[in-house]
Protein backbone atom coordinates (compact mmCIF):
# COMPACT_ATOMS: atom_id res chain seq x y z
CA MET A 1 -13.92 5.01 19.60
CA SER A 2 -12.41 8.12 17.02
CA ALA A 3 -8.95 7.81 15.46
CA GLN A 4 -6.36 10.57 16.63
CA LEU A 5 -4.49 12.19 14.10
CA ARG A 6 -0.43 11.91 15.19
CA ARG A 7 2.94 12.83 13.43
CA ALA A 8 6.39 10.24 13.80
CA ARG A 9 9.95 11.49 12.25
CA THR A 10 11.49 9.26 10.64
CA SER A 11 15.51 9.96 9.24
CA VAL A 12 13.71 11.13 6.07
CA LEU A 13 10.02 12.19 6.85
CA ASP A 14 7.98 13.49 9.27
CA ILE A 15 4.77 10.66 9.08
CA ALA A 16 1.14 11.75 9.88
CA TYR A 17 -0.82 8.95 11.26
CA GLU A 18 -3.91 7.87 12.43
CA GLU A 19 -4.43 6.20 15.36
CA SER A 20 -6.83 4.20 16.92
CA GLY A 21 -7.64 1.36 20.26
CA PRO A 22 -5.64 0.92 23.40
CA ALA A 23 -2.55 1.85 23.40
CA ASP A 24 -1.63 -2.13 24.78
CA GLY A 25 -3.51 -3.41 22.68
CA THR A 26 -1.44 -6.01 20.00
CA PRO A 27 -0.61 -3.32 16.74
CA VAL A 28 -2.03 -3.37 13.35
CA PHE A 29 -0.46 -1.17 10.90
CA LEU A 30 -3.20 0.04 7.46
CA MET A 31 -1.74 0.64 4.67
CA HIS A 32 -2.80 2.79 1.77
CA GLY A 33 -2.32 1.80 -1.94
CA PHE A 34 -2.38 5.07 -5.38
CA PRO A 35 -4.46 6.56 -4.88
CA ASP A 36 -6.06 6.57 -2.29
CA ASP A 37 -5.38 7.49 1.63
CA VAL A 38 -6.34 6.86 4.96
CA ARG A 39 -10.46 6.96 4.88
CA THR A 40 -9.98 3.70 2.74
CA TRP A 41 -9.47 1.29 5.83
CA ASP A 42 -12.14 3.31 7.45
CA GLY A 43 -13.83 0.72 7.87
CA VAL A 44 -11.86 -1.88 9.18
CA ALA A 45 -9.85 0.40 11.52
CA ALA A 46 -12.94 1.08 13.95
CA PRO A 47 -14.25 -2.86 14.07
CA LEU A 48 -9.92 -3.68 14.59
CA ALA A 49 -9.78 -0.87 17.34
CA ALA A 50 -13.00 -2.08 19.58
CA GLN A 51 -11.44 -5.10 19.98
CA GLY A 52 -8.37 -4.27 21.55
CA CYS A 53 -6.21 -3.24 19.07
CA ARG A 54 -4.23 -0.41 18.31
CA VAL A 55 -4.83 0.29 15.14
CA ILE A 56 -2.37 2.40 13.23
CA VAL A 57 -2.99 4.55 9.15
CA PRO A 58 0.09 6.29 7.69
CA PHE A 59 -0.36 8.34 5.32
CA LEU A 60 2.09 7.33 3.03
CA ARG A 61 4.72 9.53 1.23
CA GLY A 62 3.24 12.27 -0.98
CA TYR A 63 -0.50 11.87 0.32
CA GLY A 64 -1.77 14.32 2.70
CA PRO A 65 -0.29 16.18 5.87
CA THR A 66 3.12 13.59 5.42
CA ARG A 67 6.17 15.96 4.62
CA PHE A 68 9.35 15.23 4.31
CA LEU A 69 11.89 16.91 6.20
CA SER A 70 14.00 18.66 3.74
CA ALA A 71 13.88 20.04 0.84
CA ALA A 72 17.02 18.35 -0.12
CA THR A 73 15.94 14.33 0.50
CA MET A 74 15.47 12.68 -3.34
CA ARG A 75 11.21 12.72 -3.91
CA SER A 76 11.62 9.08 -4.62
CA GLY A 77 8.12 6.59 -5.15
CA GLN A 78 10.94 3.55 -5.54
CA GLN A 79 8.89 0.42 -3.43
CA GLY A 80 12.30 -0.07 -1.39
CA ALA A 81 11.79 3.48 -0.42
CA ILE A 82 8.05 2.80 0.55
CA GLY A 83 8.82 -0.77 2.26
CA SER A 84 11.51 1.46 4.26
CA ASP A 85 9.15 3.58 5.46
CA LEU A 86 6.86 1.95 7.39
CA LYS A 87 10.06 -0.26 8.84
CA GLU A 88 11.17 3.03 10.34
CA LEU A 89 8.21 4.54 11.81
CA MET A 90 7.86 1.44 13.17
CA ASP A 91 11.23 2.32 15.04
CA ALA A 92 10.14 5.04 15.72
CA LEU A 93 6.58 4.08 16.88
CA GLN A 94 8.96 1.40 19.71
CA ILE A 95 6.39 -0.70 17.37
CA GLU A 96 8.62 -4.05 17.93
CA ARG A 97 6.16 -6.24 15.46
CA ALA A 98 2.33 -6.32 13.95
CA VAL A 99 0.13 -7.64 12.12
CA LEU A 100 0.61 -5.85 9.24
CA ALA A 101 -2.20 -5.10 6.10
CA GLY A 102 -1.75 -3.14 3.41
CA TYR A 103 -2.76 -3.20 -0.29
CA ASP A 104 -1.42 -1.24 -4.30
CA TRP A 105 1.98 0.33 -3.14
CA GLY A 106 0.62 -0.03 0.75
CA GLY A 107 0.50 -4.11 0.49
CA ARG A 108 3.91 -3.66 -1.46
CA ALA A 109 4.82 -2.08 1.90
CA ALA A 110 4.26 -4.57 4.24
CA CYS A 111 5.01 -7.45 1.58
CA ILE A 112 8.95 -5.37 1.53
CA THR A 113 8.32 -5.06 5.43
CA ALA A 114 8.13 -8.91 6.52
CA ALA A 115 10.13 -9.75 3.96
CA LEU A 116 12.96 -8.54 4.86
CA TRP A 117 12.65 -8.39 8.40
CA PRO A 118 10.59 -11.21 9.16
CA GLU A 119 11.37 -10.08 13.05
CA ARG A 120 7.92 -7.38 12.53
CA ALA A 121 5.64 -9.33 11.42
CA ARG A 122 3.20 -10.75 13.29
CA GLY A 123 0.83 -12.16 10.40
CA LEU A 124 -0.17 -10.64 6.85
CA VAL A 125 -2.91 -9.17 5.02
CA SER A 126 -2.00 -8.83 1.55
CA ILE A 127 -4.19 -7.77 -0.96
CA GLY A 128 -3.31 -8.65 -4.54
CA GLY A 129 -0.74 -11.18 -3.33
CA TYR A 130 2.72 -11.24 -3.46
CA ASN A 131 3.28 -7.06 -4.13
CA ILE A 132 6.76 -7.08 -4.32
CA GLN A 133 7.99 -6.00 -8.10
CA ASP A 134 10.07 -7.68 -10.07
CA ILE A 135 11.60 -4.83 -11.90
CA ALA A 136 14.09 -7.39 -13.78
CA ARG A 137 11.33 -8.63 -15.61
CA ASN A 138 9.26 -5.24 -15.99
CA VAL A 139 10.96 -4.59 -19.56
CA LYS A 140 9.19 -7.04 -20.29
CA PRO A 141 5.67 -6.85 -22.07
CA GLU A 142 2.38 -9.25 -21.14
CA ALA A 143 -0.22 -10.48 -22.78
CA ALA A 144 -2.76 -7.87 -24.26
CA ASP A 145 -5.53 -8.00 -22.57
CA TYR A 146 -3.12 -6.59 -19.06
CA GLU A 147 -1.38 -4.08 -20.90
CA TRP A 148 -3.63 -2.08 -21.85
CA ARG A 149 -5.25 -2.14 -18.05
CA TYR A 150 -1.99 -0.10 -17.45
CA TRP A 151 -2.10 3.11 -19.33
CA TYR A 152 -2.19 4.42 -16.68
CA GLN A 153 1.68 3.82 -15.71
CA TRP A 154 2.07 4.53 -19.93
CA TYR A 155 1.14 8.28 -19.74
CA PHE A 156 2.81 8.52 -16.33
CA ASN A 157 6.54 8.14 -18.69
CA THR A 158 6.07 10.68 -20.66
CA ALA A 159 5.49 14.80 -20.07
CA ARG A 160 2.05 14.69 -21.07
CA GLY A 161 1.68 12.29 -18.27
CA VAL A 162 3.16 14.76 -15.51
CA ALA A 163 1.86 17.65 -16.64
CA GLY A 164 -1.64 16.20 -16.84
CA LEU A 165 -1.36 14.67 -13.05
CA ALA A 166 -0.19 18.23 -11.90
CA ALA A 167 -3.25 19.97 -13.70
CA ASN A 168 -5.78 17.28 -13.47
CA ARG A 169 -4.66 15.38 -10.94
CA HIS A 170 -9.13 14.69 -9.26
CA ASP A 171 -10.34 14.09 -11.92
CA LEU A 172 -7.74 11.37 -13.14
CA CYS A 173 -7.60 9.73 -10.40
CA ARG A 174 -11.37 9.72 -10.10
CA LEU A 175 -11.71 7.46 -13.29
CA ILE A 176 -9.54 5.19 -11.78
CA TRP A 177 -11.10 4.57 -9.18
CA LYS A 178 -14.51 4.12 -11.12
CA MET A 179 -12.32 1.86 -13.41
CA TRP A 180 -10.73 -0.62 -10.81
CA SER A 181 -13.59 -1.19 -8.89
CA PRO A 182 -16.35 -1.56 -11.22
CA ASN A 183 -19.24 -2.30 -9.15
CA TRP A 184 -18.29 0.35 -6.28
CA LYS A 185 -20.46 3.15 -5.91
CA PHE A 186 -19.27 6.53 -4.17
CA ASP A 187 -20.25 9.61 -4.24
CA ASP A 188 -18.70 12.63 -3.86
CA ALA A 189 -18.38 13.46 -0.15
CA THR A 190 -16.63 9.96 0.09
CA TYR A 191 -13.96 11.41 -3.11
CA ASP A 192 -13.62 14.38 -1.66
CA ALA A 193 -13.09 13.17 1.89
CA THR A 194 -9.38 11.16 0.43
CA GLY A 195 -8.76 13.44 -2.91
CA ALA A 196 -8.00 16.37 -0.08
CA ALA A 197 -3.88 13.96 0.86
CA PHE A 198 -3.46 14.19 -3.33
CA ASP A 199 -3.30 18.35 -2.95
CA ASN A 200 0.33 17.17 -0.67
CA PRO A 201 3.03 19.04 -2.46
CA ASP A 202 4.64 16.26 -3.26
CA PHE A 203 2.60 13.93 -4.77
CA VAL A 204 3.45 14.41 -8.46
CA ASP A 205 6.64 13.65 -8.01
CA ILE A 206 6.55 10.45 -5.28
CA VAL A 207 3.34 8.93 -8.66
CA ILE A 208 6.02 9.74 -11.10
CA HIS A 209 9.43 8.62 -10.04
CA SER A 210 7.14 5.34 -8.54
CA TYR A 211 6.25 4.68 -12.27
CA ARG A 212 9.85 5.16 -14.18
CA HIS A 213 10.95 3.41 -11.05
CA ARG A 214 9.97 -0.10 -11.42
CA TYR A 215 11.06 0.00 -15.10
CA GLN A 216 14.03 1.02 -14.93
CA ALA A 217 13.64 4.90 -16.29
CA ALA A 218 14.20 7.05 -12.91
CA PRO A 219 17.10 6.04 -11.20
CA SER A 220 16.88 4.95 -7.44
CA ASP A 221 17.88 6.87 -4.30
CA PRO A 222 20.92 5.81 -3.27
CA ALA A 223 19.88 5.19 0.35
CA TYR A 224 17.43 2.16 -0.90
CA GLU A 225 19.84 0.32 -2.52
CA GLU A 226 20.90 -2.67 -0.81
CA ILE A 227 16.36 -2.42 -0.16
CA GLU A 228 16.51 -3.07 -3.45
CA ARG A 229 19.03 -5.64 -4.07
CA ARG A 230 17.52 -8.06 -1.24
CA LEU A 231 13.83 -6.79 -3.13
CA ALA A 232 15.79 -8.10 -6.68
CA LEU A 233 16.36 -11.43 -5.15
CA ARG A 234 12.61 -12.30 -4.86
CA PRO A 235 12.47 -13.60 -1.02
CA LYS A 236 9.84 -15.49 0.57
CA ILE A 237 7.79 -14.52 2.95
CA ALA A 238 7.41 -15.94 6.39
CA ALA A 239 5.02 -14.37 8.37
CA PRO A 240 1.06 -16.02 8.98
CA THR A 241 0.23 -14.94 5.42
CA ILE A 242 -3.50 -13.95 4.17
CA VAL A 243 -4.20 -12.99 0.61
CA LEU A 244 -7.34 -10.93 -0.38
CA HIS A 245 -8.31 -10.96 -4.11
CA GLY A 246 -11.20 -8.70 -5.43
CA ALA A 247 -12.38 -11.01 -7.91
CA ALA A 248 -13.42 -7.50 -9.91
CA ASP A 249 -10.09 -5.89 -9.60
CA ALA A 250 -10.19 -4.14 -13.01
CA VAL A 251 -6.68 -3.52 -13.10
CA ASP A 252 -4.72 -5.98 -11.27
CA LEU A 253 -6.55 -9.11 -12.07
CA PRO A 254 -7.72 -11.74 -9.69
CA GLU A 255 -5.43 -14.40 -11.81
CA LEU A 256 -2.33 -12.61 -11.26
CA SER A 257 -2.29 -13.58 -7.91
CA ALA A 258 -3.15 -17.48 -7.98
CA HIS A 259 0.58 -18.06 -8.59
CA ASP A 260 1.92 -16.35 -5.82
CA ALA A 261 1.60 -19.00 -3.57
CA PRO A 262 5.80 -20.11 -3.50
CA GLN A 263 6.58 -17.11 -2.63
CA PHE A 264 4.81 -17.03 1.45
CA SER A 265 6.80 -19.74 3.31
CA GLY A 266 4.60 -20.12 5.85
CA PHE A 267 1.09 -20.12 6.38
CA TYR A 268 -0.75 -19.16 3.81
CA ARG A 269 -4.42 -18.82 2.54
CA ARG A 270 -5.57 -16.54 -0.50
CA ALA A 271 -9.80 -15.44 -0.67
CA ALA A 272 -10.89 -13.76 -4.18
CA VAL A 273 -13.39 -12.53 -3.53
CA PRO A 274 -16.79 -12.35 -5.22
CA ILE A 275 -18.22 -8.21 -6.17
CA ALA A 276 -14.68 -6.74 -4.80
CA GLY A 277 -12.55 -4.66 -6.87
CA HIS A 278 -9.22 -2.96 -6.52
CA PHE A 279 -10.34 -0.88 -3.22
CA PHE A 280 -10.57 -3.52 -1.46
CA PRO A 281 -10.63 -1.76 2.09
CA ARG A 282 -13.30 0.36 0.96
CA GLU A 283 -15.22 -2.25 -0.59
CA ALA A 284 -14.96 -5.42 1.74
CA PRO A 285 -14.32 -3.96 5.25
CA GLN A 286 -15.14 -6.97 6.88
CA GLN A 287 -13.11 -9.74 5.28
CA VAL A 288 -9.92 -7.10 5.70
CA VAL A 289 -11.07 -7.21 9.78
CA ASP A 290 -11.78 -11.01 10.01
CA SER A 291 -8.68 -12.15 8.25
CA VAL A 292 -6.72 -9.15 10.86
CA LEU A 293 -8.26 -11.01 14.03
CA GLU A 294 -7.88 -14.52 11.94
CA LEU A 295 -4.14 -14.21 12.30
CA ILE A 296 -3.54 -12.09 15.60
CA ALA A 297 -5.38 -15.54 17.55
CA GLN A 298 -3.25 -17.67 15.20
CA THR A 299 0.05 -16.05 16.96
CA ARG A 300 -1.10 -15.65 20.07
């Protein structure tokens, strides 16, 4: 069942997304992370569509064919913008309620939507745990073993990093793939199929703003001020949730999600999956498929 590339307009974006499965199936949104694109979900989307789900896989702002409607719109990569984009896409597609799944930036979008608009989340598969950033706390240093893993974030907070991302985005992102998922052996064709998404004209601006805003080193887009205020309160998530974490994730270590349970007020289960690293949907797709189907069965 092949996916169809479609587009939907929100208040600020023309979002490109792939859709597969029956139009009347249970809606499932699969949200990719950085640096990645919709291809990360290929091993998840097709089995879910075959099980009768309506599977929607968007390109995030700054990736692939997704474009801003206006040149005047701030190229914000802040978490409030990413979360709002998912909620507005659901609105544009007239989907009231869906299972949300994501990792990294996409996990953040899924968690934010489930937390702030709980009526929209039938269930949540959050790869990496409670993915909502604690921006107030981010100014405090972590233990040394965590700090060095965020070298790319410090790099992006320098002028050299901006120039480096613009000039060397493909080599840099490929290096990140290798570092963050050390057990995953991908080939050139796999990387190239996704790397093209990083040639989006807004990719660099979105990435740089994302990694500066989280450290209060870049201003917020005023359009998301209220969302950011609500996120600063660390809202709990009521939707039935399964957290998956790659035991070999070399950037977000699995112990980081081990104590997230208090942030979830409904059904909650967490599994650390051996071998899998940061790019979890590519490395352990069946665990994601099984988790989504379990949540659908629970909420019938």
